[in-house]
Protein backbone atom coordinates (compact mmCIF):
# COMPACT_ATOMS: atom_id res chain seq x y z
CA MET A 1 -72.14 -4.44 -14.23
CA SER A 2 -69.27 -4.07 -11.79
CA ALA A 3 -67.82 -7.35 -13.09
CA TRP A 4 -67.83 -5.91 -16.62
CA LEU A 5 -65.94 -2.88 -15.42
CA HIS A 6 -63.38 -5.01 -13.60
CA ARG A 7 -62.69 -6.92 -16.81
CA GLN A 8 -61.74 -3.73 -18.61
CA LYS A 9 -58.20 -2.42 -18.87
CA LYS A 10 -57.25 0.55 -16.81
CA GLY A 11 -56.80 2.70 -19.91
CA ASP A 12 -60.34 1.91 -21.01
CA LEU A 13 -61.61 2.68 -17.52
CA VAL A 14 -59.86 6.05 -17.64
CA GLU A 15 -61.57 6.86 -20.95
CA LEU A 16 -64.95 5.81 -19.55
CA ALA A 17 -64.32 7.98 -16.46
CA LYS A 18 -63.62 10.98 -18.69
CA ASP A 19 -66.80 10.40 -20.67
CA ALA A 20 -68.76 10.01 -17.43
CA GLU A 21 -67.14 13.16 -16.00
CA LEU A 22 -66.02 11.28 -12.90
CA GLY A 23 -63.24 13.68 -11.97
CA ASP A 24 -59.60 13.16 -11.01
CA THR A 25 -58.74 9.48 -11.37
CA ASP A 26 -54.92 9.58 -11.70
CA ALA A 27 -54.24 8.49 -8.12
CA MET A 28 -56.73 5.56 -8.22
CA LEU A 29 -55.84 1.94 -8.76
CA LYS A 30 -57.73 -0.16 -11.26
CA ASP A 31 -60.10 -1.76 -8.73
CA GLU A 32 -60.76 1.55 -6.98
CA LEU A 33 -61.42 3.21 -10.32
CA ALA A 34 -63.86 0.42 -11.35
CA ASP A 35 -65.80 0.66 -8.07
CA ALA A 36 -65.96 4.47 -8.18
CA LEU A 37 -67.04 4.40 -11.83
CA ASP A 38 -69.72 1.77 -11.11
CA GLU A 39 -71.16 3.86 -8.28
CA HIS A 40 -71.04 7.02 -10.37
CA LEU A 41 -72.77 5.38 -13.34
CA LYS A 42 -75.53 3.99 -11.11
CA LYS A 43 -76.21 7.39 -9.54
CA ASN A 44 -76.25 9.21 -12.86
CA ALA A 45 -77.86 6.54 -15.00
CA SER A 46 -80.57 8.91 -16.25
CA SER A 47 -78.08 11.39 -17.72
CA LEU A 48 -75.27 9.06 -18.77
CA SER A 49 -77.16 6.13 -20.28
CA THR A 50 -77.63 8.08 -23.51
CA LYS A 51 -73.89 8.25 -24.21
CA GLN A 52 -72.73 5.77 -26.81
CA SER A 53 -69.40 5.06 -25.05
CA LEU A 54 -71.30 3.81 -21.99
CA ASN A 55 -73.66 1.48 -23.81
CA GLY A 56 -71.48 -1.49 -22.89
CA TYR A 57 -72.17 -0.84 -19.24
CA TYR A 58 -75.89 -0.03 -19.43
CA SER A 59 -76.66 -2.77 -21.95
CA ARG A 60 -75.86 -5.35 -19.30
CA ALA A 61 -78.29 -3.77 -16.83
CA SER A 62 -81.55 -5.87 -16.78
CA PRO A 63 -84.95 -4.08 -17.02
CA THR A 64 -86.80 -3.63 -13.78
CA LYS A 65 -90.21 -5.32 -13.44
CA THR A 66 -92.93 -4.81 -10.92
CA THR A 67 -94.26 -7.78 -9.08
CA SER A 68 -97.81 -8.30 -7.86
CA ASN A 69 -96.99 -6.74 -4.50
CA GLY A 70 -95.47 -3.69 -6.13
CA SER A 71 -91.81 -4.53 -5.47
CA LYS A 72 -89.19 -4.21 -8.20
CA THR A 73 -86.88 -7.08 -9.17
CA ALA A 74 -83.80 -6.58 -11.34
CA VAL A 75 -82.36 -9.54 -13.17
CA ALA A 76 -78.90 -8.90 -14.64
CA GLY A 77 -77.89 -10.64 -17.81
CA ASP A 78 -74.28 -10.33 -16.71
CA ALA A 79 -75.14 -12.15 -13.47
CA ASP A 80 -76.78 -14.95 -15.44
CA GLU A 81 -73.67 -15.23 -17.58
CA THR A 82 -71.46 -15.40 -14.51
CA LYS A 83 -73.78 -17.97 -12.94
CA ALA A 84 -73.63 -20.10 -16.05
CA VAL A 85 -69.87 -19.94 -16.09
CA THR A 86 -69.76 -20.86 -12.42
CA LYS A 87 -72.14 -23.78 -12.95
CA SER A 88 -70.18 -25.07 -15.87
CA ARG A 89 -66.97 -24.91 -13.85
CA ARG A 90 -68.60 -26.73 -10.97
CA LYS A 91 -69.84 -29.44 -13.25
CA THR A 92 -66.42 -29.87 -14.80
CA ILE A 93 -64.71 -30.12 -11.47
CA LYS A 94 -67.40 -32.40 -10.07
CA LYS A 95 -67.32 -34.65 -13.07
CA ASP A 96 -63.60 -35.10 -13.10
CA GLU A 97 -62.36 -36.93 -10.08
CA ILE A 98 -58.65 -36.55 -9.75
CA GLU A 99 -56.74 -39.38 -8.27
CA SER A 100 -53.34 -38.42 -6.93
CA PRO A 101 -50.96 -41.17 -5.80
CA TYR A 102 -48.59 -39.95 -3.09
CA VAL A 103 -45.62 -42.31 -2.90
CA PHE A 104 -43.83 -42.36 0.42
CA PRO A 105 -41.08 -44.69 1.64
CA SER A 106 -43.49 -46.70 3.84
CA HIS A 107 -46.80 -46.85 1.94
CA ILE A 108 -48.84 -45.45 -0.96
CA ILE A 109 -51.76 -43.15 -0.35
CA THR A 110 -54.40 -42.61 -3.02
CA ARG A 111 -56.86 -39.84 -2.44
CA LYS A 112 -59.66 -38.18 -4.36
CA VAL A 113 -59.74 -34.49 -4.50
CA THR A 114 -62.85 -32.56 -5.49
CA SER A 115 -62.51 -28.80 -5.56
CA ARG A 116 -64.90 -26.04 -6.36
CA ASP A 117 -62.19 -23.55 -7.00
CA ALA A 118 -60.12 -23.55 -10.19
CA ASN A 119 -57.09 -22.34 -8.25
CA ILE A 120 -57.25 -25.34 -5.93
CA GLN A 121 -57.43 -27.64 -8.97
CA ALA A 122 -54.35 -26.05 -10.54
CA ASN A 123 -52.38 -26.25 -7.30
CA PHE A 124 -53.40 -29.86 -6.81
CA ILE A 125 -52.34 -30.83 -10.33
CA THR A 126 -48.95 -29.17 -9.78
CA LEU A 127 -48.57 -31.03 -6.49
CA ARG A 128 -49.43 -34.32 -8.19
CA SER A 129 -46.90 -33.82 -10.96
CA ASP A 130 -44.20 -32.91 -8.45
CA SER A 131 -44.98 -35.88 -6.14
CA ALA A 132 -45.32 -38.68 -8.71
CA THR A 133 -42.25 -40.72 -7.58
CA PRO A 134 -39.65 -40.51 -4.82
CA THR A 135 -36.88 -40.11 -7.39
CA HIS A 136 -38.62 -37.14 -8.92
CA THR A 137 -39.11 -35.66 -5.45
CA GLN A 138 -35.41 -36.00 -4.66
CA SER A 139 -34.39 -34.50 -7.99
CA THR A 140 -36.80 -31.58 -7.44
CA SER A 141 -35.37 -30.99 -3.97
CA SER A 142 -31.84 -31.17 -5.36
CA THR A 143 -32.72 -28.69 -8.09
CA ALA A 144 -34.29 -26.30 -5.57
CA LEU A 145 -31.23 -26.63 -3.35
CA ALA A 146 -28.95 -25.97 -6.29
CA THR A 147 -30.88 -22.87 -7.23
CA ARG A 148 -30.72 -21.57 -3.67
CA THR A 149 -27.09 -22.49 -2.99
CA PRO A 150 -25.35 -19.76 -5.07
CA ARG A 151 -27.14 -16.97 -3.20
CA ALA A 152 -26.30 -18.52 0.16
CA VAL A 153 -22.70 -19.02 -0.89
CA GLN A 154 -22.51 -15.42 -2.05
CA ARG A 155 -23.86 -14.18 1.28
CA ILE A 156 -21.33 -16.30 3.20
CA ALA A 157 -18.48 -15.37 0.87
CA SER A 158 -19.23 -11.68 1.35
CA ARG A 159 -18.63 -12.12 5.09
CA VAL A 160 -15.40 -14.12 4.73
CA PRO A 161 -12.27 -11.95 4.14
CA LEU A 162 -10.74 -13.20 0.91
CA PRO A 163 -7.01 -12.88 0.13
CA ALA A 164 -5.90 -9.87 -1.86
CA SER A 165 -5.31 -10.11 -5.57
CA PRO A 166 -1.75 -9.97 -7.03
CA ALA A 167 -2.31 -6.37 -8.12
CA GLN A 168 -3.38 -5.38 -4.60
CA MET A 169 -0.39 -7.22 -3.11
CA THR A 170 1.97 -5.41 -5.50
CA GLU A 171 0.42 -2.06 -4.63
CA MET A 172 0.68 -2.80 -0.90
CA ILE A 173 4.37 -3.76 -1.25
CA GLU A 174 5.08 -0.58 -3.20
CA ARG A 175 3.37 1.55 -0.54
CA GLN A 176 5.33 -0.15 2.24
CA SER A 177 8.60 0.24 0.32
CA ALA A 178 7.92 3.93 -0.29
CA ALA A 179 7.07 4.47 3.39
CA PHE A 180 10.23 2.61 4.48
CA ASN A 181 12.41 4.66 2.12
CA GLN A 182 10.80 7.85 3.38
CA ARG A 183 11.48 6.94 7.03
CA LEU A 184 15.04 5.90 6.16
CA ASN A 185 15.71 9.19 4.37
CA ALA A 186 14.24 11.16 7.28
CA ALA A 187 16.44 9.27 9.77
CA TRP A 188 19.48 9.85 7.54
CA ASP A 189 18.77 13.58 7.34
CA GLN A 190 18.27 13.87 11.10
CA SER A 191 21.53 12.03 11.86
CA GLY A 192 23.58 14.82 10.28
CA ALA A 193 25.73 12.33 8.37
CA ILE A 194 25.46 14.33 5.15
CA GLU A 195 26.77 17.50 6.79
CA THR A 196 29.58 15.52 8.41
CA VAL A 197 30.61 14.00 5.10
CA HIS A 198 30.59 17.43 3.43
CA TRP A 199 32.70 18.91 6.24
CA LEU A 200 35.14 16.00 6.05
CA ARG A 201 35.44 16.27 2.27
CA GLU A 202 36.06 19.99 2.49
CA GLY A 203 38.74 19.46 5.12
CA LEU A 204 40.55 16.69 3.23
CA SER A 205 40.49 18.51 -0.11
CA SER A 206 43.63 20.56 0.64
CA THR A 207 47.40 20.17 0.62
CA ASP A 208 47.50 20.73 4.37
CA ALA A 209 45.30 17.67 4.92
CA VAL A 210 47.50 15.55 2.63
CA GLY A 211 50.67 16.63 4.45
CA SER A 212 49.07 16.00 7.85
CA ILE A 213 47.97 12.48 6.87
CA ILE A 214 51.47 11.62 5.60
CA ALA A 215 53.07 12.93 8.82
CA LEU A 216 50.53 11.02 10.95
CA ILE A 217 51.30 7.74 9.19
CA GLU A 218 55.06 8.21 9.66
CA GLY A 219 54.67 9.23 13.34
CA LEU A 220 52.43 6.24 14.22
CA SER A 221 54.81 3.82 12.58
CA LEU A 222 57.77 5.34 14.46
CA SER A 223 55.89 5.16 17.80
CA ARG A 224 56.11 1.37 17.68
CA THR A 225 59.80 1.82 18.49
CA THR A 226 59.82 4.96 20.60
CA LEU A 227 56.72 4.08 22.67
CA PRO A 228 56.37 0.29 22.50
CA LEU A 229 53.25 -1.40 23.88
CA LYS A 230 53.60 -2.95 27.32
CA TYR A 231 51.29 -5.26 29.27
CA ALA A 232 49.06 -3.28 31.63
CA PHE A 233 46.21 -5.49 32.95
CA THR A 234 43.85 -8.37 32.13
CA THR A 235 40.08 -8.18 32.18
CA PRO A 236 38.25 -11.21 33.63
CA PRO A 237 36.15 -13.37 31.34
CA VAL A 238 32.39 -12.92 31.05
CA LYS A 239 30.92 -16.39 30.60
CA ALA A 240 27.34 -15.13 30.25
CA ILE A 241 28.10 -13.57 26.88
CA GLY A 242 31.06 -15.75 25.98
CA VAL A 243 33.78 -13.09 26.34
CA PRO A 244 37.18 -14.55 27.34
CA SER A 245 39.81 -12.83 29.45
CA ILE A 246 41.69 -10.14 27.53
CA ALA A 247 45.22 -8.92 28.19
CA TRP A 248 45.47 -5.18 27.52
CA LYS A 249 48.67 -3.49 26.38
CA LEU A 250 49.29 0.26 26.59
CA PRO A 251 52.14 2.49 25.36
CA ASP A 252 55.05 2.51 27.76
CA LEU A 253 55.09 6.16 28.78
CA PHE A 254 58.26 5.66 30.78
CA GLN A 255 60.13 5.74 27.47
CA LEU A 256 59.59 9.50 27.49
CA LEU A 257 62.29 9.64 30.13
CA THR A 258 64.88 7.79 28.07
CA LYS A 259 67.48 9.09 25.62
CA HIS A 260 66.40 6.64 22.93
CA PHE A 261 62.95 8.27 22.59
CA TRP A 262 64.23 11.82 22.24
CA VAL A 263 67.16 11.11 19.91
CA THR A 264 65.08 9.01 17.53
CA SER A 265 62.22 11.52 17.54
CA PHE A 266 64.68 14.39 16.94
CA VAL A 267 66.07 12.73 13.79
CA TRP A 268 62.62 12.17 12.31
CA LEU A 269 61.25 15.60 13.27
CA THR A 270 64.31 17.37 11.88
CA THR A 271 64.18 15.75 8.44
CA SER A 272 60.36 15.56 8.11
CA ALA A 273 59.05 18.64 9.92
CA PHE A 274 61.32 21.32 11.39
CA VAL A 275 63.72 22.06 8.54
CA PRO A 276 61.05 21.73 5.77
CA LEU A 277 58.78 24.15 7.69
CA VAL A 278 61.55 26.78 7.98
CA PHE A 279 62.40 26.63 4.27
CA SER A 280 58.74 26.61 3.21
CA TYR A 281 58.12 29.70 5.30
CA LEU A 282 61.06 31.54 3.79
CA PHE A 283 60.52 30.37 0.21
CA ASN A 284 56.78 30.99 0.01
CA TRP A 285 55.73 31.65 -3.60
CA THR A 286 52.05 31.80 -2.64
CA TYR A 287 52.76 34.78 -0.39
CA LYS A 288 54.41 36.77 -3.22
CA THR A 289 51.56 36.17 -5.69
CA ARG A 290 48.85 37.10 -3.16
CA PRO A 291 47.43 40.65 -3.54
CA ARG A 292 48.16 43.01 -0.65
CA THR A 293 44.49 43.90 -0.19
CA THR A 294 43.35 40.28 -0.09
CA GLN A 295 43.32 38.32 3.13
CA GLY A 296 42.81 34.63 3.60
CA LEU A 297 44.49 33.63 0.33
CA GLY A 298 47.78 31.76 0.14
CA TYR A 299 49.60 29.89 2.95
CA ALA A 300 51.90 30.90 5.78
CA THR A 301 54.22 28.14 4.54
CA ASP A 302 54.42 27.04 0.93
CA PRO A 303 53.33 23.35 0.67
CA LEU A 304 55.33 22.83 -2.50
CA SER A 305 58.52 24.11 -0.85
CA PHE A 306 57.83 21.99 2.23
CA HIS A 307 57.59 18.69 0.35
CA LEU A 308 60.53 19.54 -1.93
CA VAL A 309 62.81 20.23 1.06
CA LYS A 310 61.57 17.10 2.84
CA ALA A 311 62.32 14.88 -0.15
CA LEU A 312 65.81 16.46 -0.54
CA LEU A 313 66.72 16.05 3.16
CA THR A 314 65.51 12.43 3.24
CA TRP A 315 67.68 11.58 0.27
CA MET A 316 70.73 13.32 1.78
CA VAL A 317 70.42 11.86 5.31
CA TYR A 318 69.25 8.30 4.62
CA TYR A 319 70.98 7.65 1.29
CA GLN A 320 74.02 9.95 1.19
CA GLY A 321 74.96 9.72 4.87
CA VAL A 322 74.93 13.45 5.58
CA ARG A 323 74.64 13.98 9.35
CA PHE A 324 75.09 17.76 9.76
CA TYR A 325 77.14 17.07 12.92
CA LEU A 326 73.86 16.53 14.81
CA LEU A 327 72.56 13.15 13.80
CA SER A 328 73.98 9.80 14.84
CA ASP A 329 74.17 6.78 12.60
CA ARG A 330 72.32 4.63 15.16
CA SER A 331 69.35 7.03 15.32
CA VAL A 332 69.14 7.28 11.53
CA GLU A 333 69.11 3.47 11.25
CA VAL A 334 66.34 3.23 13.88
CA VAL A 335 64.16 5.76 12.04
CA ASP A 336 64.81 4.06 8.69
CA GLY A 337 63.77 0.70 10.13
CA SER A 338 60.74 1.93 12.06
CA VAL A 339 58.86 4.11 9.54
CA TRP A 340 56.66 2.16 7.15
CA GLY A 341 58.58 1.83 3.89
CA GLY A 342 61.72 3.33 5.39
CA ALA A 343 63.42 6.17 3.53
CA LYS A 344 61.66 5.15 0.31
CA GLY A 345 58.29 5.53 1.98
CA MET A 346 59.17 9.02 3.25
CA ILE A 347 60.31 10.10 -0.23
CA ALA A 348 57.10 8.67 -1.73
CA GLY A 349 55.03 10.70 0.72
CA ALA A 350 56.97 13.84 -0.20
CA LEU A 351 56.31 13.21 -3.91
CA VAL A 352 52.58 12.86 -3.23
CA GLY A 353 52.66 16.22 -1.46
CA ILE A 354 54.54 17.82 -4.37
CA VAL A 355 51.98 16.60 -6.93
CA THR A 356 49.09 17.76 -4.74
CA SER A 357 50.59 21.22 -4.27
CA MET A 358 51.22 21.67 -8.00
CA TYR A 359 47.69 20.52 -8.87
CA GLN A 360 46.16 22.96 -6.39
CA ALA A 361 48.32 25.81 -7.67
CA ILE A 362 47.17 25.07 -11.26
CA LEU A 363 43.52 25.12 -10.18
CA ARG A 364 43.99 28.46 -8.43
CA LYS A 365 45.40 30.02 -11.58
């Protein structure tokens, strides 16, 4: 009877349990439900045997008979059926003698296998088919190895750091480039170079700066004659870094005590600085146009007047030979030969100052 219950599906067992009023069976497995149902049906056979849904269970229960000594013996039809099946299986297995050749490299073993269990017979037949020949054994082993290899390779590959893909490399390069640019910009901002450039541009964007640069160029070129370079000392060589001995030359400051320095400097300062400054101070058009209540506008000396007077004096002294009873021909020739470009260079500088002054005056209007 229990065997009949075990052959039923779990859904059928649940229906039988409901009909038999077994109780809560949701948490039970199939085997547990079959055993509990079997025990419940045996205990309540008198009240449940009349139900039609349980006839399949009680129909397999054999009638009880009383022996001569008064004891009861129950013979189950289901047990007889199971016994018959078991006997037939035993006869089949006993009748069929399975010979299985096992082929090994050294010898051949033939053995007879007789099993009483159908599972043993199935396993033995599978073993025989797999072990028929050495070639088949090797191919089976190779196939099993091939089926296991991908998983092993995947496990090993997951532990090995693989190179990044091109997209990841590109992204990494972009991140590094952005970080480098950010650090470079931060270093540039902290250096104060931007503020220095702005200050320098503001200082050079004026007529005063243009006039100062022109005067500096003329003065440095004239100093080659008035303060010539003279040998001062020699530094020893440094063989460790490959630096040879160097002879240093410094301006000869003793020329400050000579007449040549002062006469030559007086000629250049008179025509390029002193006289133009006096006239630009007196003829200052920026001062007249400046409102009385406004401070900081205009110039103490007019840059346009300065460069106009400088150009006129240069032309008169160096080209027309006007000396004003103060300048000597020798000094004028020295200045003309020492300044870069000579008298033409000084006139060109004055013209640059004139154009700059006019342009600034137009912008101020």
